[in-house]
Amino acid sequence: MADRNELYIGGKWVPSAGEGTIDVLEAATGQLMARVPAGTESDVDDAVAAARAAFGEWSQSPVADRITVLRRIADGLVARETELAEMMAREVGTPIARSRSVQVGLGVTIFRSMADILETTSLEERRGNSLILKVGVGVVGAITPWNYPLYQLAAKVAPAIAAGCTSVVKPSSVAPLAAFVVAEIAEEAGLPPGVLNIVTGAGGRVGERLAGHPDVDLVSLTGSTSAGARVGQVAAADIKKVTLELGGKSAFIVAPDADVDAAVTAAVRGCYVNNGQTCAATTRLLVPIGDLEQVEAKLVELVGGQSVGDPLDEAIDIGPMASREQQQTVLDMLSDVPADAVFLVGGPGEVTGLDERLQAGFFVRPTVVSRVDNTSAIARDEVFGPVLTVLTYSDIDEAIDIANDSDYGLSGGVFAADDAAAIAIARRLRTGQVSINGGRFNAMAPFGGMKKSGIGRELGPDGLDEYFEKISLQLPA
């Protein structure tokens, strides 16, 4: 895979003001995939200036033009699906089938959905003697994560384009390559110069400057809770708007009347997607104490049967972690599990049976830790790997208390005898979204969290609204 030697600023590919580079490693082998520029504060300043210069004209552009560009970008992603899916399977470790359907597929869906939403959204509303206008917030600083490099870029850039905003994107240094492809596609789609800019670099340098830049009007970050806290602190100096999609430690409640096998199957699906590298993963499984042995047996069957290996292999269920740092973080947390907990599957040991070329890859065994107390670190802290913890409860009130006893509130799941029973439980959970009886992710619904899981919402009409400001024109009576 070719190196990327230039940044995308003002509609041109330009060298960085600095001479440093960042190595992008293949997750399955630890080998060098590509190098990208280590951008500088000066690069951020140039990108923000280009975005500011482009904002005036783009903010007044016809809605039809924005819709056309969004759909052309979606089409361009489809045309390069194979390239992008392989790229992110190698960078992130996502098994290739999931990389096509989720890493690429969700990105396509977001660009198309924003075009569809904008087509039916009124940007003016008459209210009494006032005319309420929706206008683009301005220049957006978008800081994207390594676990979903394209989808999360789309979740920020697509609504920005739709709202008439301009953007400067700082992708994760672990998985930055898809951002360059999006820039190429956007240029081919006719997006005017300066509306989208890409600056790679370290978060402490490029991200910090972007979040604190006085000409950035909105900072949208997806990342860790600590990163969100820092962005909020830096952005507060200019009283600028922020949207933060942060960590999670989401609970999946198996109700006493649930079909246990079906519930556990859904819980496993919700935990191990993208090798567990998902902020909304349902990583705490709450089960009635009387069902514990049945649940444990089903987990051994399902999780123990998952294959681990090269994410480019269509038959593989679980790939590697995206980086050696993340691999070590997960292994350290597994090594610190309480002595009275039970490893049903996996644990902190090495993955066995890998091909020789994968020996230096960032693999972790799919793991289930059972009989865990909700006060333990493994039950409270975000692991961000293929790890499920199992906790028991005596009645549904206790289950809800355990689920809500968390610093986070991003996602969750409830499996009960019927949807009405599951919804009644879900109404009592303090979290941003809940899967009901195995309900799947909906890209048109608002996505975001409560508590330390973030501020604001992405996706759907609610996500688009984050990129608007409202102006009230008081008309003569």
Protein backbone atom coordinates (compact mmCIF):
# COMPACT_ATOMS: atom_id res chain seq x y z
CA MET A 1 0.00 0.00 0.00
CA ALA A 2 1.53 3.32 -1.07
CA ASP A 3 2.67 5.98 1.36
CA ARG A 4 0.73 9.22 1.59
CA ASN A 5 3.21 12.07 1.38
CA GLU A 6 0.87 15.06 1.28
CA LEU A 7 -2.03 16.60 3.17
CA TYR A 8 -5.28 17.75 1.56
CA ILE A 9 -5.73 21.48 2.17
CA GLY A 10 -7.77 23.98 0.16
CA GLY A 11 -8.53 21.48 -2.58
CA LYS A 12 -4.84 20.70 -3.19
CA TRP A 13 -2.42 17.98 -2.14
CA VAL A 14 0.38 19.82 -0.33
CA PRO A 15 3.43 18.79 1.70
CA SER A 16 3.35 19.21 5.45
CA ALA A 17 5.18 22.12 7.00
CA GLY A 18 7.06 19.52 9.04
CA GLU A 19 9.26 16.66 7.94
CA GLY A 20 8.04 13.94 10.29
CA THR A 21 6.05 10.87 9.31
CA ILE A 22 3.77 8.39 11.08
CA ASP A 23 4.04 4.65 10.53
CA VAL A 24 0.78 2.82 9.84
CA LEU A 25 1.11 -0.84 10.86
CA GLU A 26 -0.85 -3.86 9.71
CA ALA A 27 -2.69 -5.16 12.77
CA ALA A 28 -2.40 -8.84 11.86
CA THR A 29 1.35 -8.85 11.26
CA GLY A 30 2.78 -5.76 12.94
CA GLN A 31 4.45 -4.90 9.64
CA LEU A 32 4.63 -1.45 8.06
CA MET A 33 1.69 -0.73 5.74
CA ALA A 34 2.28 2.89 4.86
CA ARG A 35 3.55 6.22 6.13
CA VAL A 36 1.59 9.46 6.39
CA PRO A 37 2.70 13.00 7.24
CA ALA A 38 3.04 14.02 10.88
CA GLY A 39 1.26 17.32 10.50
CA THR A 40 2.07 20.45 12.48
CA GLU A 41 0.21 23.36 14.03
CA SER A 42 1.06 25.35 10.92
CA ASP A 43 -0.70 22.74 8.78
CA VAL A 44 -3.79 23.05 10.97
CA ASP A 45 -3.70 26.84 10.63
CA ASP A 46 -3.52 26.54 6.83
CA ALA A 47 -6.38 24.02 6.75
CA VAL A 48 -8.60 26.13 9.01
CA ALA A 49 -7.86 29.21 6.90
CA ALA A 50 -8.88 27.28 3.77
CA ALA A 51 -12.06 26.08 5.47
CA ARG A 52 -12.88 29.60 6.68
CA ALA A 53 -12.33 31.03 3.20
CA ALA A 54 -14.62 28.41 1.66
CA PHE A 55 -17.38 28.74 4.24
CA GLY A 56 -19.00 31.92 2.95
CA GLU A 57 -19.79 30.57 -0.49
CA TRP A 58 -20.52 26.98 0.58
CA SER A 59 -22.88 28.09 3.37
CA GLN A 60 -24.98 29.86 0.75
CA SER A 61 -24.83 27.04 -1.81
CA PRO A 62 -28.10 25.60 -3.12
CA VAL A 63 -29.34 22.64 -1.10
CA ALA A 64 -29.64 20.66 -4.33
CA ASP A 65 -25.89 21.04 -4.92
CA ARG A 66 -25.09 19.68 -1.46
CA ILE A 67 -27.43 16.73 -2.00
CA THR A 68 -25.79 15.94 -5.32
CA VAL A 69 -22.28 15.99 -3.83
CA LEU A 70 -23.28 13.78 -0.90
CA ARG A 71 -24.73 11.17 -3.23
CA ARG A 72 -21.73 11.30 -5.52
CA ILE A 73 -19.42 10.71 -2.54
CA ALA A 74 -21.52 7.70 -1.52
CA ASP A 75 -21.27 6.34 -5.06
CA GLY A 76 -17.52 6.91 -5.03
CA LEU A 77 -17.17 4.92 -1.81
CA VAL A 78 -19.11 2.05 -3.36
CA ALA A 79 -16.81 2.10 -6.39
CA ARG A 80 -13.79 1.73 -4.10
CA GLU A 81 -15.39 -0.69 -1.65
CA THR A 82 -12.88 -3.51 -2.16
CA GLU A 83 -9.90 -1.22 -1.65
CA LEU A 84 -11.39 0.43 1.44
CA ALA A 85 -12.57 -2.80 3.05
CA GLU A 86 -9.14 -4.40 2.71
CA MET A 87 -7.46 -1.21 3.93
CA MET A 88 -9.46 -1.10 7.16
CA ALA A 89 -9.26 -4.85 7.72
CA ARG A 90 -5.49 -4.43 7.67
CA GLU A 91 -5.36 -1.20 9.74
CA VAL A 92 -8.01 -2.00 12.34
CA GLY A 93 -8.15 -5.81 12.25
CA THR A 94 -11.84 -5.94 11.33
CA PRO A 95 -12.72 -9.28 9.67
CA ILE A 96 -13.12 -8.61 5.96
CA ALA A 97 -16.85 -9.38 5.70
CA ARG A 98 -17.54 -6.92 8.53
CA SER A 99 -15.16 -4.44 6.99
CA ARG A 100 -17.25 -4.44 3.81
CA SER A 101 -20.65 -4.29 5.54
CA VAL A 102 -19.82 -2.05 8.49
CA GLN A 103 -16.59 -0.13 7.91
CA VAL A 104 -17.50 0.73 4.30
CA GLY A 105 -21.22 0.02 4.26
CA LEU A 106 -22.05 2.35 7.14
CA GLY A 107 -19.99 5.13 5.61
CA VAL A 108 -21.98 4.83 2.40
CA THR A 109 -25.24 4.75 4.35
CA ILE A 110 -24.40 7.93 6.28
CA PHE A 111 -23.58 9.99 3.18
CA ARG A 112 -26.76 8.81 1.47
CA SER A 113 -28.92 9.28 4.54
CA MET A 114 -27.75 12.88 4.99
CA ALA A 115 -28.68 13.61 1.38
CA ASP A 116 -32.12 12.09 1.94
CA ILE A 117 -32.65 13.97 5.21
CA LEU A 118 -31.58 17.29 3.73
CA GLU A 119 -33.96 16.77 0.82
CA THR A 120 -36.91 16.72 3.23
CA THR A 121 -35.63 19.25 5.80
CA SER A 122 -36.95 22.79 5.86
CA LEU A 123 -34.27 25.34 6.65
CA GLU A 124 -36.86 28.03 7.38
CA GLU A 125 -39.84 28.05 9.73
CA ARG A 126 -42.42 30.81 10.24
CA ARG A 127 -43.37 31.11 13.93
CA GLY A 128 -45.68 34.01 14.71
CA ASN A 129 -43.97 37.16 13.48
CA SER A 130 -40.58 35.41 13.38
CA LEU A 131 -38.79 33.62 10.58
CA ILE A 132 -36.48 30.95 12.06
CA LEU A 133 -33.47 30.12 9.88
CA LYS A 134 -31.20 27.09 10.14
CA VAL A 135 -27.68 28.02 9.05
CA GLY A 136 -24.41 26.13 9.07
CA VAL A 137 -22.48 26.49 12.31
CA GLY A 138 -19.26 27.35 10.47
CA VAL A 139 -15.88 25.59 10.40
CA VAL A 140 -15.93 22.09 11.90
CA GLY A 141 -12.92 20.45 13.49
CA ALA A 142 -13.55 16.70 13.18
CA ILE A 143 -11.35 14.36 15.21
CA THR A 144 -12.01 10.75 14.29
CA PRO A 145 -11.07 7.44 15.99
CA TRP A 146 -9.16 4.39 14.82
CA ASN A 147 -11.86 1.76 15.38
CA TYR A 148 -14.28 2.97 12.65
CA PRO A 149 -12.14 5.29 10.49
CA LEU A 150 -14.56 5.76 7.57
CA TYR A 151 -17.90 5.48 9.33
CA GLN A 152 -16.94 8.03 11.98
CA LEU A 153 -15.52 10.40 9.38
CA ALA A 154 -18.80 10.12 7.49
CA ALA A 155 -20.80 10.75 10.67
CA LYS A 156 -19.07 14.14 10.97
CA VAL A 157 -18.28 15.22 7.41
CA ALA A 158 -21.60 14.23 5.80
CA PRO A 159 -23.79 16.38 8.09
CA ALA A 160 -21.25 19.19 7.88
CA ILE A 161 -21.51 19.19 4.08
CA ALA A 162 -25.30 18.96 4.29
CA ALA A 163 -25.54 21.91 6.69
CA GLY A 164 -23.31 24.12 4.58
CA CYS A 165 -20.30 23.84 6.90
CA THR A 166 -16.66 23.32 6.02
CA SER A 167 -14.40 20.81 7.78
CA VAL A 168 -10.88 20.05 8.86
CA VAL A 169 -10.49 16.35 9.66
CA LYS A 170 -7.78 14.92 11.89
CA PRO A 171 -7.97 11.14 11.53
CA SER A 172 -6.45 8.74 14.04
CA SER A 173 -2.76 8.05 13.50
CA VAL A 174 -3.46 4.32 13.91
CA ALA A 175 -5.88 4.15 10.95
CA PRO A 176 -5.66 7.32 8.83
CA LEU A 177 -5.67 5.94 5.30
CA ALA A 178 -9.40 6.00 4.52
CA ALA A 179 -9.49 9.77 5.07
CA PHE A 180 -7.20 10.29 2.07
CA VAL A 181 -9.49 8.18 -0.10
CA VAL A 182 -12.52 10.21 0.99
CA ALA A 183 -10.70 13.40 0.01
CA GLU A 184 -9.99 11.98 -3.45
CA ILE A 185 -13.61 10.91 -3.86
CA ALA A 186 -14.95 14.25 -2.62
CA GLU A 187 -12.77 16.12 -5.09
CA GLU A 188 -14.01 13.91 -7.94
CA ALA A 189 -17.58 14.46 -6.72
CA GLY A 190 -17.23 18.21 -7.21
CA LEU A 191 -16.89 19.35 -3.60
CA PRO A 192 -15.42 22.87 -3.80
CA PRO A 193 -11.86 23.50 -2.56
CA GLY A 194 -11.62 24.11 1.19
CA VAL A 195 -14.93 22.48 2.10
CA LEU A 196 -13.04 19.35 3.21
CA ASN A 197 -9.45 19.35 4.48
CA ILE A 198 -7.39 16.46 5.87
CA VAL A 199 -4.47 16.90 8.30
CA THR A 200 -2.86 13.82 9.82
CA GLY A 201 -0.74 14.04 12.94
CA ALA A 202 -0.47 13.44 16.66
CA GLY A 203 -3.48 14.21 18.80
CA GLY A 204 -1.44 16.23 21.27
CA ARG A 205 -0.25 18.47 18.48
CA VAL A 206 -2.69 18.53 15.56
CA GLY A 207 -5.79 17.64 17.57
CA GLU A 208 -4.98 20.11 20.32
CA ARG A 209 -4.46 22.95 17.85
CA LEU A 210 -7.62 22.09 15.95
CA ALA A 211 -9.78 21.97 19.09
CA GLY A 212 -8.41 25.27 20.34
CA HIS A 213 -8.23 27.14 17.05
CA PRO A 214 -10.17 30.43 17.32
CA ASP A 215 -11.58 30.07 13.80
CA VAL A 216 -13.10 26.63 14.45
CA ASP A 217 -16.77 26.93 15.42
CA LEU A 218 -17.60 23.31 16.30
CA VAL A 219 -15.38 20.47 17.45
CA SER A 220 -16.72 16.96 16.95
CA LEU A 221 -14.65 14.21 18.55
CA THR A 222 -15.11 10.48 18.82
CA GLY A 223 -12.61 8.96 21.20
CA SER A 224 -11.82 8.16 24.79
CA THR A 225 -13.46 9.91 27.71
CA SER A 226 -10.13 11.45 28.68
CA ALA A 227 -9.68 12.82 25.15
CA GLY A 228 -13.23 14.21 25.27
CA ALA A 229 -12.54 15.94 28.56
CA ARG A 230 -9.43 17.55 27.11
CA VAL A 231 -11.20 18.71 23.95
CA GLY A 232 -14.02 20.17 26.04
CA GLN A 233 -11.49 22.01 28.18
CA VAL A 234 -9.59 23.43 25.21
CA ALA A 235 -12.74 24.36 23.29
CA ALA A 236 -14.23 26.10 26.32
CA ALA A 237 -11.68 28.91 26.05
CA ASP A 238 -13.50 30.18 22.95
CA ILE A 239 -16.99 29.09 24.10
CA LYS A 240 -17.25 26.92 21.02
CA LYS A 241 -19.75 24.14 20.44
CA VAL A 242 -18.62 20.54 20.97
CA THR A 243 -20.11 17.14 20.25
CA LEU A 244 -18.41 14.24 21.99
CA GLU A 245 -19.00 10.54 21.40
CA LEU A 246 -16.90 8.82 24.02
CA GLY A 247 -16.50 5.55 25.92
CA GLY A 248 -18.98 2.95 27.07
CA LYS A 249 -19.46 -0.03 29.36
CA SER A 250 -22.87 -1.07 28.22
CA ALA A 251 -25.09 -3.63 29.94
CA PHE A 252 -27.14 -6.33 28.26
CA ILE A 253 -29.96 -7.50 30.53
CA VAL A 254 -31.35 -11.00 30.08
CA ALA A 255 -34.79 -10.74 31.72
CA PRO A 256 -36.08 -13.63 33.86
CA ASP A 257 -38.69 -14.57 31.23
CA ALA A 258 -36.30 -14.41 28.24
CA ASP A 259 -35.35 -17.19 25.86
CA VAL A 260 -31.86 -17.68 27.29
CA ASP A 261 -30.21 -19.16 24.21
CA ALA A 262 -31.59 -16.46 21.92
CA ALA A 263 -30.65 -13.75 24.40
CA VAL A 264 -27.06 -14.95 24.81
CA THR A 265 -26.68 -15.23 21.03
CA ALA A 266 -27.72 -11.59 20.66
CA ALA A 267 -25.46 -10.53 23.52
CA VAL A 268 -22.43 -12.18 21.95
CA ARG A 269 -23.17 -10.47 18.65
CA GLY A 270 -23.35 -7.12 20.44
CA CYS A 271 -20.11 -7.63 22.36
CA TYR A 272 -17.64 -8.99 19.83
CA VAL A 273 -18.40 -6.88 16.75
CA ASN A 274 -15.17 -5.42 15.32
CA ASN A 275 -13.20 -7.63 17.74
CA GLY A 276 -14.79 -5.78 20.66
CA GLN A 277 -13.29 -2.49 19.49
CA THR A 278 -16.66 -0.74 19.63
CA CYS A 279 -17.63 1.94 22.12
CA ALA A 280 -21.27 0.77 22.07
CA ALA A 281 -20.40 -2.91 22.60
CA THR A 282 -22.59 -4.59 25.23
CA THR A 283 -19.75 -5.86 27.39
CA ARG A 284 -21.61 -6.49 30.67
CA LEU A 285 -24.04 -9.41 30.50
CA LEU A 286 -26.56 -9.34 33.36
CA VAL A 287 -28.37 -12.65 33.95
CA PRO A 288 -30.76 -14.05 36.57
CA ILE A 289 -28.74 -15.99 39.11
CA GLY A 290 -30.85 -19.08 38.48
CA ASP A 291 -29.93 -19.05 34.77
CA LEU A 292 -26.19 -18.62 35.27
CA GLU A 293 -25.10 -22.17 34.47
CA GLN A 294 -27.22 -22.31 31.30
CA VAL A 295 -25.83 -18.95 30.21
CA GLU A 296 -22.27 -20.01 30.91
CA ALA A 297 -22.67 -23.19 28.88
CA LYS A 298 -24.05 -21.24 25.91
CA LEU A 299 -21.21 -18.72 26.12
CA VAL A 300 -18.60 -21.48 26.08
CA GLU A 301 -20.27 -22.86 22.95
CA LEU A 302 -20.58 -19.54 21.12
CA VAL A 303 -17.46 -17.64 22.13
CA GLY A 304 -15.30 -20.75 22.34
CA GLY A 305 -16.32 -21.58 18.78
CA GLN A 306 -15.12 -18.27 17.31
CA SER A 307 -12.12 -18.51 15.01
CA VAL A 308 -9.22 -16.08 15.42
CA GLY A 309 -6.80 -15.15 12.67
CA ASP A 310 -6.06 -13.10 9.58
CA PRO A 311 -8.87 -10.57 9.09
CA LEU A 312 -8.51 -10.91 5.32
CA ASP A 313 -9.68 -14.54 5.63
CA GLU A 314 -13.43 -14.72 4.98
CA ALA A 315 -13.77 -17.58 7.50
CA ILE A 316 -12.36 -15.66 10.47
CA ASP A 317 -14.65 -14.34 13.23
CA ILE A 318 -12.15 -12.38 15.34
CA GLY A 319 -9.15 -10.42 14.09
CA PRO A 320 -6.39 -8.60 15.98
CA MET A 321 -6.47 -5.40 17.98
CA ALA A 322 -5.66 -2.30 15.93
CA SER A 323 -2.36 -1.62 17.68
CA ARG A 324 0.18 -3.19 19.99
CA GLU A 325 -0.72 -0.57 22.58
CA GLN A 326 -4.37 -1.63 22.54
CA GLN A 327 -3.40 -5.31 22.65
CA GLN A 328 -1.29 -4.67 25.76
CA THR A 329 -4.06 -2.63 27.40
CA VAL A 330 -6.50 -5.53 27.03
CA LEU A 331 -3.98 -8.12 28.24
CA ASP A 332 -3.11 -5.99 31.27
CA MET A 333 -6.78 -5.69 32.22
CA LEU A 334 -7.26 -9.46 31.88
CA SER A 335 -4.25 -10.09 34.08
CA ASP A 336 -5.84 -7.96 36.80
CA VAL A 337 -9.15 -9.84 37.02
CA PRO A 338 -10.21 -10.73 40.60
CA ALA A 339 -9.06 -14.14 41.79
CA ASP A 340 -12.60 -15.37 42.43
CA ALA A 341 -13.75 -14.61 38.86
CA VAL A 342 -13.94 -17.46 36.33
CA PHE A 343 -12.48 -17.41 32.84
CA LEU A 344 -15.02 -19.44 30.88
CA VAL A 345 -13.21 -18.82 27.60
CA GLY A 346 -9.89 -17.20 26.75
CA GLY A 347 -7.93 -15.10 29.19
CA PRO A 348 -4.64 -13.19 29.12
CA GLY A 349 -2.60 -15.92 27.40
CA GLU A 350 -1.32 -15.92 23.83
CA VAL A 351 -3.48 -16.91 20.88
CA THR A 352 -2.33 -20.31 19.66
CA GLY A 353 -2.49 -21.85 16.20
CA LEU A 354 -1.72 -18.69 14.25
CA ASP A 355 0.27 -18.83 11.02
CA GLU A 356 3.91 -17.88 11.38
CA ARG A 357 3.43 -14.56 9.60
CA LEU A 358 0.78 -13.59 12.19
CA GLN A 359 2.97 -14.27 15.23
CA ALA A 360 3.84 -10.58 15.64
CA GLY A 361 0.21 -9.47 15.15
CA PHE A 362 -1.82 -7.75 17.85
CA PHE A 363 -4.09 -10.67 18.77
CA VAL A 364 -6.09 -11.26 21.95
CA ARG A 365 -8.08 -14.38 22.75
CA PRO A 366 -11.88 -13.93 22.75
CA THR A 367 -12.64 -13.98 26.45
CA VAL A 368 -15.57 -14.44 28.82
CA VAL A 369 -15.08 -13.58 32.49
CA SER A 370 -17.94 -14.82 34.67
CA ARG A 371 -19.06 -14.43 38.29
CA VAL A 372 -17.82 -10.87 38.40
CA ASP A 373 -18.91 -8.17 40.84
CA ASN A 374 -19.88 -4.80 39.40
CA THR A 375 -17.32 -3.07 41.61
CA SER A 376 -14.37 -4.77 39.90
CA ALA A 377 -12.32 -2.94 37.26
CA ILE A 378 -13.13 -5.51 34.56
CA ALA A 379 -16.84 -4.72 35.07
CA ARG A 380 -16.49 -0.95 35.30
CA ASP A 381 -13.71 0.08 32.94
CA GLU A 382 -13.87 0.06 29.16
CA VAL A 383 -11.69 -2.79 27.86
CA PHE A 384 -12.15 -2.15 24.12
CA GLY A 385 -11.34 -5.69 23.13
CA PRO A 386 -13.04 -9.09 22.73
CA VAL A 387 -13.99 -9.42 26.39
CA LEU A 388 -17.42 -10.09 27.93
CA THR A 389 -18.10 -9.97 31.67
CA VAL A 390 -21.00 -11.88 33.23
CA LEU A 391 -22.80 -10.61 36.31
CA THR A 392 -25.84 -12.01 38.13
CA TYR A 393 -28.89 -10.38 39.69
CA SER A 394 -31.74 -11.53 41.91
CA ASP A 395 -34.63 -9.47 40.46
CA ILE A 396 -35.16 -7.00 37.63
CA ASP A 397 -34.88 -3.97 39.92
CA GLU A 398 -31.39 -5.08 40.91
CA ALA A 399 -30.53 -5.65 37.25
CA ILE A 400 -31.53 -2.09 36.39
CA ASP A 401 -29.54 -0.75 39.34
CA ILE A 402 -26.44 -2.64 38.20
CA ALA A 403 -26.87 -1.49 34.60
CA ASN A 404 -27.17 2.15 35.69
CA ASP A 405 -24.29 1.86 38.18
CA SER A 406 -21.71 3.02 35.66
CA ASP A 407 -19.84 6.17 34.74
CA TYR A 408 -20.98 5.53 31.18
CA GLY A 409 -24.30 5.60 29.38
CA LEU A 410 -23.78 4.96 25.69
CA SER A 411 -25.66 1.79 24.79
CA GLY A 412 -27.31 -1.33 26.15
CA GLY A 413 -29.55 -4.26 25.42
CA VAL A 414 -32.61 -5.92 26.90
CA PHE A 415 -33.90 -9.36 25.98
CA ALA A 416 -37.30 -10.34 27.41
CA ALA A 417 -40.32 -12.49 26.59
CA ASP A 418 -41.76 -9.82 24.29
CA ASP A 419 -40.95 -6.34 23.04
CA ALA A 420 -43.33 -4.60 25.45
CA ALA A 421 -41.64 -6.19 28.47
CA ALA A 422 -38.19 -5.32 27.14
CA ILE A 423 -39.20 -1.72 26.40
CA ALA A 424 -40.55 -1.32 29.94
CA ILE A 425 -37.11 -2.25 31.28
CA ALA A 426 -35.27 -0.12 28.74
CA ARG A 427 -37.24 2.98 29.77
CA ARG A 428 -35.52 2.80 33.16
CA LEU A 429 -31.97 2.66 31.78
CA ARG A 430 -29.79 5.76 31.71
CA THR A 431 -28.17 5.25 28.34
CA GLY A 432 -28.31 6.67 24.84
CA GLN A 433 -29.67 3.65 22.95
CA VAL A 434 -30.91 0.17 23.79
CA SER A 435 -31.25 -2.90 21.57
CA ILE A 436 -34.65 -4.52 22.18
CA ASN A 437 -34.73 -8.31 21.75
CA GLY A 438 -31.80 -8.28 19.35
CA GLY A 439 -32.83 -5.17 17.43
CA ARG A 440 -30.11 -4.06 15.00
CA PHE A 441 -28.31 -0.72 14.67
CA ASN A 442 -30.27 1.99 12.86
CA ALA A 443 -28.22 4.67 11.11
CA MET A 444 -31.23 7.00 10.99
CA ALA A 445 -31.67 7.06 14.78
CA PRO A 446 -29.73 9.42 17.06
CA PHE A 447 -26.50 7.94 18.41
CA GLY A 448 -24.75 9.29 21.49
CA GLY A 449 -24.52 8.95 25.23
CA MET A 450 -25.24 10.18 28.71
CA LYS A 451 -22.86 10.79 31.60
CA LYS A 452 -19.21 10.27 30.62
CA SER A 453 -20.22 8.75 27.28
CA GLY A 454 -20.51 12.15 25.70
CA ILE A 455 -22.46 15.21 24.64
CA GLY A 456 -24.74 15.57 21.63
CA ARG A 457 -25.94 13.09 19.02
CA GLU A 458 -24.79 11.80 15.65
CA LEU A 459 -26.71 10.31 12.73
CA GLY A 460 -30.18 10.94 11.37
CA PRO A 461 -31.98 14.29 11.62
CA ASP A 462 -30.73 14.78 15.19
CA GLY A 463 -27.14 14.42 14.03
CA LEU A 464 -27.66 16.93 11.23
CA ASP A 465 -29.17 19.44 13.68
CA GLU A 466 -25.87 19.56 15.63
CA TYR A 467 -24.30 21.32 12.62
CA PHE A 468 -26.87 24.12 12.45
CA GLU A 469 -27.26 27.35 14.33
CA LYS A 470 -30.66 29.03 14.46
CA ILE A 471 -31.31 32.66 13.66
CA SER A 472 -34.61 34.34 14.50
CA LEU A 473 -35.71 37.14 12.18
CA GLN A 474 -38.32 39.31 13.88
CA LEU A 475 -40.60 40.51 11.11
CA PRO A 476 -43.02 43.45 11.23
CA ALA A 477 -46.40 42.43 12.64
